[in-house]
Protein backbone atom coordinates (compact mmCIF):
# COMPACT_ATOMS: atom_id res chain seq x y z
CA MET A 1 -104.73 29.58 54.46
CA GLU A 2 -102.91 27.95 51.64
CA PHE A 3 -106.40 28.10 49.62
CA PHE A 4 -106.63 32.06 50.24
CA GLY A 5 -102.93 32.46 49.14
CA LYS A 6 -103.39 30.47 45.60
CA HIS A 7 -107.01 32.18 44.95
CA LYS A 8 -106.28 35.60 46.33
CA THR A 9 -107.09 37.53 43.22
CA ILE A 10 -110.32 35.56 42.18
CA ILE A 11 -111.51 36.01 45.58
CA LEU A 12 -111.09 39.80 45.69
CA ILE A 13 -112.46 40.26 42.26
CA THR A 14 -115.58 37.79 43.24
CA LEU A 15 -115.97 40.01 46.32
CA GLY A 16 -115.44 43.29 44.38
CA VAL A 17 -118.06 42.29 41.82
CA ILE A 18 -120.66 41.38 44.52
CA VAL A 19 -120.07 44.95 46.20
CA VAL A 20 -120.54 46.72 43.08
CA ILE A 21 -123.70 44.54 42.12
CA GLY A 22 -125.16 45.71 45.78
CA ILE A 23 -124.26 49.19 45.59
CA TRP A 24 -126.03 49.42 42.15
CA TRP A 25 -128.84 47.44 43.00
CA GLY A 26 -129.36 49.49 46.17
CA PHE A 27 -129.18 52.93 44.22
CA SER A 28 -131.42 51.63 41.60
CA GLN A 29 -134.35 51.06 43.65
CA GLU A 30 -137.36 53.23 43.24
CA THR A 31 -138.33 55.40 45.92
CA PRO A 32 -141.73 54.86 47.39
CA SER A 33 -144.40 57.45 46.55
CA THR A 34 -145.09 59.98 49.03
CA SER A 35 -148.91 59.75 48.96
CA LEU A 36 -150.45 56.41 50.46
CA ILE A 37 -153.60 57.08 48.64
CA GLU A 38 -153.48 57.25 44.89
CA THR A 39 -156.85 58.23 42.62
CA GLN A 40 -157.24 57.00 39.15
CA ALA A 41 -159.30 59.00 36.99
CA SER A 42 -163.01 57.88 36.65
CA SER A 43 -162.87 57.50 33.07
CA GLY A 44 -159.53 55.04 32.65
CA VAL A 45 -157.90 57.34 30.06
CA SER A 46 -154.79 59.15 30.61
CA PRO A 47 -154.52 62.86 29.54
CA GLU A 48 -151.88 61.83 26.88
CA ASP A 49 -154.51 59.40 25.25
CA ARG A 50 -157.13 61.72 25.45
CA GLY A 51 -155.21 64.19 23.61
CA LEU A 52 -154.45 61.59 20.91
CA VAL A 53 -157.91 60.57 20.68
CA ASP A 54 -159.04 64.72 20.15
CA THR A 55 -156.25 65.01 17.64
CA LEU A 56 -157.39 61.94 15.59
CA LEU A 57 -160.98 63.12 15.78
CA GLN A 58 -159.86 66.70 14.24
CA LEU A 59 -158.30 64.66 11.35
CA ARG A 60 -161.22 62.82 10.58
CA ALA A 61 -163.15 65.98 10.31
CA VAL A 62 -160.72 67.21 7.60
CA SER A 63 -162.26 67.00 4.09
CA LEU A 64 -160.13 67.12 0.81
CA SER A 65 -161.41 68.12 -2.54
CA GLY A 66 -159.58 68.61 -5.89
CA THR A 67 -160.85 72.43 -6.13
CA ILE A 68 -157.44 73.87 -5.09
CA PHE A 69 -156.18 72.51 -8.35
CA SER A 70 -158.17 74.62 -10.42
CA ASP A 71 -157.61 77.91 -8.34
CA PRO A 72 -155.81 80.75 -9.81
CA ALA A 73 -153.35 80.82 -7.38
CA PHE A 74 -152.35 77.16 -7.76
CA MET A 75 -152.31 77.66 -11.65
CA SER A 76 -149.60 80.44 -11.41
CA LEU A 77 -147.15 78.44 -9.66
CA ARG A 78 -144.06 77.54 -11.83
CA ASP A 79 -142.04 74.31 -11.87
CA PHE A 80 -138.43 75.00 -10.81
CA GLY A 81 -137.39 71.53 -11.01
CA LYS A 82 -134.48 70.46 -13.59
CA GLN A 83 -134.52 67.52 -16.01
CA VAL A 84 -132.12 64.95 -15.00
CA ILE A 85 -130.27 64.04 -18.17
CA PRO A 86 -128.84 60.24 -18.29
CA GLU A 87 -124.81 60.13 -18.50
CA PRO A 88 -123.01 57.29 -19.93
CA VAL A 89 -121.48 54.90 -17.56
CA GLY A 90 -118.03 54.69 -16.54
CA ARG A 91 -115.46 52.17 -17.24
CA PRO A 92 -115.80 48.54 -16.14
CA ASN A 93 -112.98 48.73 -13.71
CA PRO A 94 -112.75 52.17 -12.01
CA PHE A 95 -109.52 51.33 -10.23
CA ALA A 96 -107.70 50.00 -13.38
CA PRO A 97 -104.98 52.61 -15.14
CA VAL A 98 -106.14 54.69 -17.42
CA SER A 99 -105.17 53.75 -21.09
CA THR A 100 -105.88 54.76 -24.55
CA ARG A 101 -107.72 51.35 -25.23
CA PRO A 102 -110.02 49.23 -23.18
CA THR A 103 -108.20 46.31 -21.54
CA THR A 104 -111.08 43.75 -21.52
CA THR A 105 -110.89 40.60 -23.04
CA LYS A 106 -112.90 37.34 -23.27
CA GLU A 107 -110.20 35.99 -20.63
CA THR A 108 -110.40 38.80 -18.32
CA LEU A 109 -114.25 39.09 -18.53
CA GLN A 110 -114.37 35.34 -17.55
CA SER A 111 -111.95 35.71 -14.70
CA THR A 112 -113.47 38.56 -13.19
CA GLN A 113 -117.05 36.81 -12.98
CA LEU A 114 -116.80 35.86 -9.26
CA PHE A 115 -120.04 33.92 -8.85
CA SER A 116 -120.36 32.19 -12.35
CA PRO A 117 -119.47 28.54 -12.36
CA LYS A 118 -116.28 27.47 -14.38
CA ARG A 119 -117.36 25.77 -17.57
CA PRO A 120 -115.40 22.32 -18.48
């Protein structure tokens, strides 16, 4: 009885986990099918696979030609895209306080390079 008194919480937690696992396992089992005899299609191909094959065969029958590009309707189309204008690059350190002159010097450039080896 002394063993149960010392380890009561561990024993109760273990029993609780076992009960929860048993309930979960019992509810997660699949129910048996209602029919005892199941028939398979003689071709061995499911309807989903057959639909995929039909779609692929339709796509194979499509032929593309370049005549659409010489069509007057295509020639009348206009491009509404905008040209991207290159803009100047921002400051070397965008988090530095704004000042009237750049604050980068040779010493600051060498100290900010994190992955360059130190020269003797």
